């Protein structure tokens, strides 16, 4: 168990806020007039600088562009 724990720590830095295939939702101020489902995208890649690339949406995006992640929220 100790080997995998140390291996994981070396691969994933502690300050990572996103992971590939995770869903994120743009803040409503960035996409006014769109509902939550239209503002939700999946992460394709996390870049070393902390920005993400999304599926079906162009460009690099930073953490402050998205709503805070709520792990207790139920998916519809």
N, C-alpha and C. Protein backbone atom coordinates (compact mmCIF):
# COMPACT_ATOMS: atom_id res chain seq x y z
N UNK A 1 0.83 -1.20 0.00
CA UNK A 1 0.00 0.00 0.00
C UNK A 1 0.87 1.26 0.00
N UNK A 2 1.95 1.25 0.71
CA UNK A 2 2.82 2.42 0.80
C UNK A 2 3.42 2.81 -0.54
N UNK A 3 3.75 1.81 -1.37
CA UNK A 3 4.33 2.10 -2.68
C UNK A 3 3.36 2.89 -3.54
N UNK A 4 2.11 2.48 -3.60
CA UNK A 4 1.13 3.16 -4.43
C UNK A 4 0.83 4.56 -3.92
N UNK A 5 0.81 4.72 -2.62
CA UNK A 5 0.56 6.04 -2.04
C UNK A 5 1.67 7.01 -2.44
N UNK A 6 2.92 6.59 -2.33
CA UNK A 6 4.04 7.43 -2.73
C UNK A 6 4.06 7.67 -4.22
N UNK A 7 3.76 6.66 -5.00
CA UNK A 7 3.71 6.77 -6.46
C UNK A 7 2.66 7.79 -6.87
N UNK A 8 1.49 7.74 -6.26
CA UNK A 8 0.40 8.68 -6.56
C UNK A 8 0.82 10.10 -6.22
N UNK A 9 1.48 10.30 -5.09
CA UNK A 9 1.92 11.64 -4.69
C UNK A 9 2.90 12.24 -5.69
N UNK A 10 3.75 11.41 -6.29
CA UNK A 10 4.72 11.90 -7.26
C UNK A 10 4.05 12.29 -8.56
N UNK A 11 3.00 11.58 -8.95
CA UNK A 11 2.32 11.84 -10.22
C UNK A 11 1.36 13.03 -10.11
N UNK A 12 0.56 13.09 -9.06
CA UNK A 12 -0.47 14.12 -8.92
C UNK A 12 -0.06 15.11 -7.83
N UNK A 13 0.25 16.35 -8.21
CA UNK A 13 0.59 17.35 -7.20
C UNK A 13 -0.60 17.64 -6.28
N UNK A 14 -0.33 18.09 -5.08
CA UNK A 14 -1.37 18.34 -4.09
C UNK A 14 -2.32 19.46 -4.51
N UNK A 15 -1.86 20.41 -5.30
CA UNK A 15 -2.68 21.57 -5.62
C UNK A 15 -3.56 21.39 -6.86
N UNK A 16 -3.69 20.19 -7.35
CA UNK A 16 -4.50 19.95 -8.55
C UNK A 16 -5.97 20.14 -8.21
N UNK A 17 -6.65 20.96 -8.99
CA UNK A 17 -8.06 21.23 -8.74
C UNK A 17 -8.97 20.46 -9.69
N UNK A 18 -8.40 19.88 -10.74
CA UNK A 18 -9.21 19.18 -11.74
C UNK A 18 -8.50 17.93 -12.22
N UNK A 19 -9.29 17.00 -12.74
CA UNK A 19 -8.76 15.76 -13.29
C UNK A 19 -9.42 15.48 -14.64
N UNK A 20 -8.74 14.77 -15.53
CA UNK A 20 -9.36 14.42 -16.82
C UNK A 20 -10.67 13.66 -16.61
N UNK A 21 -11.61 13.90 -17.50
CA UNK A 21 -12.95 13.29 -17.51
C UNK A 21 -13.88 13.84 -16.43
N UNK A 22 -13.42 14.78 -15.63
CA UNK A 22 -14.25 15.39 -14.60
C UNK A 22 -15.16 16.44 -15.25
N UNK A 23 -16.37 16.58 -14.76
CA UNK A 23 -17.28 17.60 -15.28
C UNK A 23 -17.08 18.91 -14.52
N UNK A 24 -17.08 20.00 -15.26
CA UNK A 24 -16.99 21.33 -14.66
C UNK A 24 -18.06 22.22 -15.29
N UNK A 25 -18.51 23.20 -14.52
CA UNK A 25 -19.56 24.11 -14.98
C UNK A 25 -19.04 25.54 -14.98
N UNK A 26 -19.14 26.19 -16.14
CA UNK A 26 -18.75 27.59 -16.22
C UNK A 26 -19.65 28.42 -15.33
N UNK A 27 -19.10 29.48 -14.75
CA UNK A 27 -19.89 30.39 -13.94
C UNK A 27 -20.95 31.06 -14.81
N UNK A 28 -22.08 31.37 -14.24
CA UNK A 28 -23.19 31.97 -14.98
C UNK A 28 -22.81 33.33 -15.55
N UNK A 29 -21.91 34.06 -14.90
CA UNK A 29 -21.50 35.37 -15.39
C UNK A 29 -20.74 35.27 -16.71
N UNK A 30 -20.09 34.16 -16.93
CA UNK A 30 -19.31 33.96 -18.15
C UNK A 30 -20.20 33.56 -19.32
N UNK A 31 -21.25 32.80 -19.04
CA UNK A 31 -22.18 32.36 -20.08
C UNK A 31 -23.60 32.76 -19.69
N UNK A 32 -23.94 34.05 -19.76
CA UNK A 32 -25.28 34.47 -19.35
C UNK A 32 -26.35 33.93 -20.29
N UNK A 33 -27.50 33.63 -19.72
CA UNK A 33 -28.63 33.16 -20.52
C UNK A 33 -28.61 31.67 -20.81
N UNK A 34 -27.64 30.95 -20.32
CA UNK A 34 -27.57 29.50 -20.55
C UNK A 34 -27.81 28.79 -19.24
N UNK A 35 -28.51 27.66 -19.31
CA UNK A 35 -28.77 26.90 -18.08
C UNK A 35 -27.54 26.07 -17.70
N UNK A 36 -27.59 25.45 -16.55
CA UNK A 36 -26.45 24.71 -16.02
C UNK A 36 -25.98 23.60 -16.97
N UNK A 37 -26.88 22.88 -17.58
CA UNK A 37 -26.50 21.79 -18.48
C UNK A 37 -25.74 22.31 -19.70
N UNK A 38 -26.11 23.48 -20.18
CA UNK A 38 -25.44 24.05 -21.34
C UNK A 38 -24.06 24.61 -20.98
N UNK A 39 -23.83 24.87 -19.70
CA UNK A 39 -22.55 25.41 -19.24
C UNK A 39 -21.62 24.34 -18.71
N UNK A 40 -22.05 23.07 -18.71
CA UNK A 40 -21.26 21.98 -18.15
C UNK A 40 -20.51 21.24 -19.26
N UNK A 41 -19.21 21.03 -19.02
CA UNK A 41 -18.35 20.35 -19.98
C UNK A 41 -17.45 19.37 -19.24
N UNK A 42 -16.87 18.43 -19.99
CA UNK A 42 -15.92 17.48 -19.41
C UNK A 42 -14.50 17.91 -19.74
N UNK A 43 -13.60 17.65 -18.81
CA UNK A 43 -12.20 18.00 -18.99
C UNK A 43 -11.51 16.94 -19.84
N UNK A 44 -10.83 17.40 -20.87
CA UNK A 44 -10.08 16.51 -21.74
C UNK A 44 -8.65 16.34 -21.23
N UNK A 45 -8.03 17.46 -20.81
CA UNK A 45 -6.63 17.43 -20.40
C UNK A 45 -6.37 18.53 -19.37
N UNK A 46 -5.54 18.21 -18.38
CA UNK A 46 -5.10 19.20 -17.41
C UNK A 46 -3.66 19.55 -17.76
N UNK A 47 -3.39 20.81 -17.97
CA UNK A 47 -2.06 21.27 -18.36
C UNK A 47 -1.19 21.52 -17.13
N UNK A 48 0.14 21.50 -17.29
CA UNK A 48 1.03 21.71 -16.14
C UNK A 48 0.85 23.07 -15.46
N UNK A 49 0.35 24.08 -16.19
CA UNK A 49 0.15 25.40 -15.59
C UNK A 49 -1.17 25.50 -14.82
N UNK A 50 -1.93 24.40 -14.71
CA UNK A 50 -3.18 24.40 -13.95
C UNK A 50 -4.41 24.67 -14.78
N UNK A 51 -4.24 25.06 -16.02
CA UNK A 51 -5.39 25.28 -16.90
C UNK A 51 -5.87 23.97 -17.48
N UNK A 52 -7.09 23.99 -18.03
CA UNK A 52 -7.66 22.76 -18.59
C UNK A 52 -8.10 22.98 -20.03
N UNK A 53 -8.13 21.90 -20.78
CA UNK A 53 -8.69 21.86 -22.12
C UNK A 53 -9.94 20.99 -22.04
N UNK A 54 -11.03 21.47 -22.63
CA UNK A 54 -12.32 20.78 -22.53
C UNK A 54 -12.67 20.08 -23.83
N UNK A 55 -13.51 19.04 -23.72
CA UNK A 55 -14.10 18.43 -24.90
C UNK A 55 -15.15 19.40 -25.45
N UNK A 56 -15.27 19.51 -26.75
CA UNK A 56 -16.31 20.31 -27.41
C UNK A 56 -16.33 21.79 -27.04
N UNK A 57 -15.18 22.33 -26.62
CA UNK A 57 -15.09 23.76 -26.32
C UNK A 57 -13.64 24.17 -26.49
N UNK A 58 -13.39 25.16 -27.30
CA UNK A 58 -12.01 25.53 -27.64
C UNK A 58 -11.35 26.39 -26.57
N UNK A 59 -10.03 26.32 -26.52
CA UNK A 59 -9.24 27.18 -25.65
C UNK A 59 -8.83 26.52 -24.35
N UNK A 60 -7.95 27.24 -23.64
CA UNK A 60 -7.51 26.84 -22.30
C UNK A 60 -8.30 27.66 -21.29
N UNK A 61 -8.66 27.02 -20.19
CA UNK A 61 -9.49 27.70 -19.19
C UNK A 61 -8.90 27.49 -17.81
N UNK A 62 -9.01 28.52 -16.96
CA UNK A 62 -8.46 28.45 -15.62
C UNK A 62 -9.55 28.18 -14.60
N UNK A 63 -9.14 27.87 -13.40
CA UNK A 63 -10.04 27.46 -12.34
C UNK A 63 -11.10 28.51 -12.02
N UNK A 64 -10.74 29.78 -12.07
CA UNK A 64 -11.68 30.84 -11.70
C UNK A 64 -12.82 31.00 -12.69
N UNK A 65 -12.74 30.36 -13.86
CA UNK A 65 -13.82 30.44 -14.85
C UNK A 65 -14.99 29.52 -14.50
N UNK A 66 -14.78 28.62 -13.56
CA UNK A 66 -15.77 27.60 -13.25
C UNK A 66 -16.36 27.79 -11.86
N UNK A 67 -17.55 27.23 -11.68
CA UNK A 67 -18.17 27.22 -10.35
C UNK A 67 -17.35 26.31 -9.45
N UNK A 68 -17.33 26.58 -8.15
CA UNK A 68 -16.62 25.68 -7.23
C UNK A 68 -17.21 24.27 -7.32
N UNK A 69 -16.34 23.28 -7.22
CA UNK A 69 -16.78 21.89 -7.30
C UNK A 69 -17.45 21.51 -5.99
N UNK A 70 -18.65 20.93 -6.09
CA UNK A 70 -19.40 20.49 -4.93
C UNK A 70 -19.57 18.98 -5.02
N UNK A 71 -18.78 18.25 -4.24
CA UNK A 71 -18.81 16.80 -4.31
C UNK A 71 -20.06 16.21 -3.69
N UNK A 72 -20.78 16.97 -2.88
CA UNK A 72 -22.01 16.47 -2.26
C UNK A 72 -23.23 16.65 -3.15
N UNK A 73 -23.08 17.37 -4.24
CA UNK A 73 -24.20 17.61 -5.15
C UNK A 73 -24.61 16.33 -5.85
N UNK A 74 -25.89 16.08 -5.92
CA UNK A 74 -26.43 14.91 -6.61
C UNK A 74 -26.52 15.19 -8.10
N UNK A 75 -26.10 14.26 -8.92
CA UNK A 75 -26.25 14.42 -10.38
C UNK A 75 -27.68 14.11 -10.76
N UNK A 76 -28.29 14.92 -11.66
CA UNK A 76 -29.69 14.68 -12.04
C UNK A 76 -29.85 13.43 -12.87
